[in-house]
């Protein structure tokens, strides 16, 4: 019976998530100077992807610990194990760099500066208008409704992302279970081979 090594299946998912994170990170850097809602949305997307990668890396690390506890059973060389570790370490470092930049004081300062700039620009433009007319009040009400509607859409999107992340976690658990089954089958086969060898020795 031929079964795929679950490490490579999860590694493929991690690599795809990492590519997505790199794309979001580059987009966020471009939006950071001007700030705004799109910049906040991209930053939140990036945080969710990085969180998903963290979960996958934890499961990959656990599979390596299992292999190291009994390397002969899984028939992996020390070099192969080190290659797997290097992938995890490298990915974890890249995730840390992106997350640190997201939460850095410099990034927060740029976002606050952009927000202040937008507020000052809005205040300056409003000085040229009559704030006490019915038209201005109607425009302000429309803007408030737009912001509230956009926030509701964001909340729905965040909930959808949480559901997707939960599904990814379940898939990883299934792959982990497959890995444990592989180990059990290999151990059973080894016992059968040993019993078969003993029977041969007795007949000679």
Protein backbone atom coordinates (compact mmCIF):
# COMPACT_ATOMS: atom_id res chain seq x y z
CA UNK A 1 0.00 0.00 0.00
CA UNK A 2 1.50 3.34 -1.11
CA UNK A 3 0.70 6.39 0.99
CA UNK A 4 1.94 9.92 0.47
CA UNK A 5 4.21 11.35 3.13
CA UNK A 6 1.94 13.88 4.93
CA UNK A 7 4.90 16.22 5.46
CA UNK A 8 5.06 17.13 1.79
CA UNK A 9 1.30 17.64 1.52
CA UNK A 10 1.31 20.12 4.41
CA UNK A 11 4.55 21.69 3.14
CA UNK A 12 2.84 22.44 -0.18
CA UNK A 13 0.00 24.21 1.66
CA UNK A 14 2.49 26.18 3.72
CA UNK A 15 4.38 27.29 0.61
CA UNK A 16 1.14 28.46 -1.05
CA UNK A 17 0.15 30.37 2.10
CA UNK A 18 3.62 31.91 2.29
CA UNK A 19 3.38 33.10 -1.32
CA UNK A 20 0.01 34.66 -0.49
CA UNK A 21 1.48 36.32 2.60
CA UNK A 22 4.38 37.75 0.58
CA UNK A 23 1.94 39.23 -1.94
CA UNK A 24 -0.20 40.78 0.80
CA UNK A 25 2.89 42.08 2.58
CA UNK A 26 4.13 43.82 -0.58
CA UNK A 27 0.68 45.31 -1.17
CA UNK A 28 0.46 46.50 2.44
CA UNK A 29 3.84 48.24 2.19
CA UNK A 30 2.62 50.12 -0.88
CA UNK A 31 -0.56 51.25 0.88
CA UNK A 32 1.08 52.16 4.19
CA UNK A 33 2.15 55.63 3.06
CA UNK A 34 -1.44 56.74 2.31
CA UNK A 35 -3.20 54.58 4.91
CA UNK A 36 -6.97 54.25 4.70
CA UNK A 37 -9.43 51.39 4.98
CA UNK A 38 -7.84 49.31 2.24
CA UNK A 39 -4.52 49.37 4.08
CA UNK A 40 -6.24 48.19 7.28
CA UNK A 41 -8.06 45.43 5.41
CA UNK A 42 -4.85 44.13 3.77
CA UNK A 43 -3.06 44.20 7.14
CA UNK A 44 -5.80 42.10 8.72
CA UNK A 45 -5.73 39.64 5.81
CA UNK A 46 -1.98 39.29 6.24
CA UNK A 47 -2.32 38.64 9.99
CA UNK A 48 -4.81 35.83 9.32
CA UNK A 49 -2.56 34.17 6.73
CA UNK A 50 0.44 34.38 9.07
CA UNK A 51 -1.63 32.79 11.85
CA UNK A 52 -2.58 29.91 9.53
CA UNK A 53 1.08 29.35 8.63
CA UNK A 54 1.99 29.23 12.33
CA UNK A 55 -0.52 26.42 12.89
CA UNK A 56 0.82 24.40 9.95
CA UNK A 57 4.42 24.84 11.12
CA UNK A 58 3.51 23.54 14.57
CA UNK A 59 2.10 20.36 13.01
CA UNK A 60 5.16 19.93 10.77
CA UNK A 61 7.42 20.30 13.79
CA UNK A 62 5.47 17.62 15.64
CA UNK A 63 5.86 15.17 12.72
CA UNK A 64 9.62 15.73 12.78
CA UNK A 65 9.73 15.02 16.52
CA UNK A 66 7.91 11.74 15.92
CA UNK A 67 10.36 10.75 13.17
CA UNK A 68 13.40 11.65 15.29
CA UNK A 69 12.16 9.45 18.13
CA UNK A 70 12.35 6.37 15.87
CA UNK A 71 14.23 7.18 12.63
CA UNK A 72 14.65 3.53 11.56
CA UNK A 73 10.87 3.04 11.44
CA UNK A 74 10.34 5.93 9.01
CA UNK A 75 13.51 5.28 6.98
CA UNK A 76 14.63 8.90 6.82
CA UNK A 77 18.29 9.90 6.82
CA UNK A 78 19.60 12.61 9.17
CA UNK A 79 20.13 14.82 6.10
CA UNK A 80 16.47 14.52 5.11
CA UNK A 81 15.37 15.40 8.63
CA UNK A 82 17.66 18.45 8.65
CA UNK A 83 16.21 19.60 5.32
CA UNK A 84 12.73 19.48 6.80
CA UNK A 85 13.89 21.43 9.85
CA UNK A 86 15.56 24.05 7.64
CA UNK A 87 12.31 24.62 5.76
CA UNK A 88 10.43 25.15 9.04
CA UNK A 89 13.09 27.48 10.49
CA UNK A 90 13.33 29.55 7.30
CA UNK A 91 9.56 29.90 6.98
CA UNK A 92 9.17 30.80 10.64
CA UNK A 93 11.83 33.53 10.36
CA UNK A 94 10.12 35.06 7.32
CA UNK A 95 6.74 35.01 9.09
CA UNK A 96 8.30 36.69 12.13
CA UNK A 97 9.83 39.47 10.03
CA UNK A 98 6.48 40.28 8.40
CA UNK A 99 4.61 40.14 11.71
CA UNK A 100 7.22 42.32 13.45
CA UNK A 101 6.95 44.94 10.70
CA UNK A 102 3.15 44.91 10.96
CA UNK A 103 3.38 45.71 14.66
CA UNK A 104 6.41 48.01 14.52
CA UNK A 105 6.28 51.54 15.87
CA UNK A 106 7.38 52.86 12.49
CA UNK A 107 4.43 51.27 10.72
CA UNK A 108 2.01 52.50 13.38
CA UNK A 109 3.46 56.01 13.16
CA UNK A 110 2.99 56.07 9.38
CA UNK A 111 -0.60 54.87 9.71
CA UNK A 112 -1.37 57.54 12.35
CA UNK A 113 0.31 60.22 10.25
CA UNK A 114 -1.77 59.24 7.23
CA UNK A 115 -4.94 59.25 9.33
CA UNK A 116 -4.17 62.74 10.67
CA UNK A 117 -3.43 63.96 7.16
CA UNK A 118 -6.76 62.67 5.92
CA UNK A 119 -8.59 64.26 8.84
CA UNK A 120 -6.89 67.62 8.31
CA UNK A 121 -7.66 67.47 4.61
CA UNK A 122 -11.31 66.80 5.35
CA UNK A 123 -11.45 69.62 7.92
CA UNK A 124 -9.86 72.10 5.48
CA UNK A 125 -12.28 71.26 2.70
CA UNK A 126 -15.26 71.57 5.03
CA UNK A 127 -14.24 75.10 5.98
CA UNK A 128 -15.13 76.23 2.47
CA UNK A 129 -18.69 74.96 2.84
CA UNK A 130 -21.61 75.97 4.92
CA UNK A 131 -21.69 73.38 7.71
CA UNK A 132 -25.12 74.43 8.85
CA UNK A 133 -27.05 73.80 5.65
CA UNK A 134 -29.39 70.88 5.22
CA UNK A 135 -27.29 69.56 2.34
CA UNK A 136 -24.16 69.22 4.49
CA UNK A 137 -26.13 67.34 7.14
CA UNK A 138 -27.50 64.96 4.54
CA UNK A 139 -24.00 64.30 3.17
CA UNK A 140 -22.68 63.57 6.63
CA UNK A 141 -25.52 61.11 7.24
CA UNK A 142 -24.74 59.35 3.95
CA UNK A 143 -21.07 59.09 4.84
CA UNK A 144 -21.89 57.61 8.23
CA UNK A 145 -24.19 55.05 6.64
CA UNK A 146 -21.48 54.14 4.14
CA UNK A 147 -18.90 53.64 6.89
CA UNK A 148 -21.26 51.51 8.96
CA UNK A 149 -22.17 49.41 5.92
CA UNK A 150 -18.51 48.91 5.07
CA UNK A 151 -17.73 47.87 8.64
CA UNK A 152 -20.53 45.31 8.53
CA UNK A 153 -19.13 43.89 5.29
CA UNK A 154 -15.70 43.66 6.90
CA UNK A 155 -17.14 41.80 9.88
CA UNK A 156 -18.83 39.28 7.58
CA UNK A 157 -15.54 38.82 5.71
CA UNK A 158 -13.60 38.32 8.96
CA UNK A 159 -16.09 35.64 10.07
CA UNK A 160 -15.75 33.87 6.71
CA UNK A 161 -11.96 33.90 7.07
CA UNK A 162 -12.21 32.43 10.58
CA UNK A 163 -14.36 29.59 9.18
CA UNK A 164 -11.80 28.92 6.45
CA UNK A 165 -8.95 28.86 8.97
CA UNK A 166 -10.89 26.37 11.08
CA UNK A 167 -11.34 24.13 8.01
CA UNK A 168 -7.59 24.30 7.36
CA UNK A 169 -6.94 23.23 10.96
CA UNK A 170 -9.25 20.23 10.53
CA UNK A 171 -7.44 19.22 7.31
CA UNK A 172 -4.09 19.32 9.10
CA UNK A 173 -5.48 17.07 11.85
CA UNK A 174 -6.59 14.56 9.19
CA UNK A 175 -3.12 14.57 7.63
CA UNK A 176 -1.57 14.12 11.05
CA UNK A 177 -3.83 11.12 11.65
CA UNK A 178 -2.72 9.67 8.29
CA UNK A 179 0.89 9.99 9.41
CA UNK A 180 0.14 8.08 12.60
CA UNK A 181 -1.60 5.35 10.56
CA UNK A 182 1.45 5.07 8.30
CA UNK A 183 3.66 4.58 11.35
CA UNK A 184 1.33 1.91 12.72
CA UNK A 185 1.25 0.04 9.41
CA UNK A 186 5.04 0.12 9.11
CA UNK A 187 5.40 -1.25 12.62
CA UNK A 188 2.94 -4.07 11.86
CA UNK A 189 4.79 -4.94 8.66
CA UNK A 190 8.11 -5.03 10.52
CA UNK A 191 6.65 -7.43 13.09
CA UNK A 192 5.30 -9.68 10.33
CA UNK A 193 8.72 -9.74 8.66
CA UNK A 194 10.40 -10.63 11.95
CA UNK A 195 7.92 -13.49 12.57
CA UNK A 196 8.41 -14.72 9.03
CA UNK A 197 12.19 -14.68 9.54
CA UNK A 198 11.84 -16.63 12.77
CA UNK A 199 9.72 -19.26 11.03
CA UNK A 200 12.36 -19.64 8.31
CA UNK A 201 15.12 -20.03 10.90
CA UNK A 202 13.11 -22.76 12.67
CA UNK A 203 12.58 -24.74 9.48
CA UNK A 204 16.30 -24.75 8.65
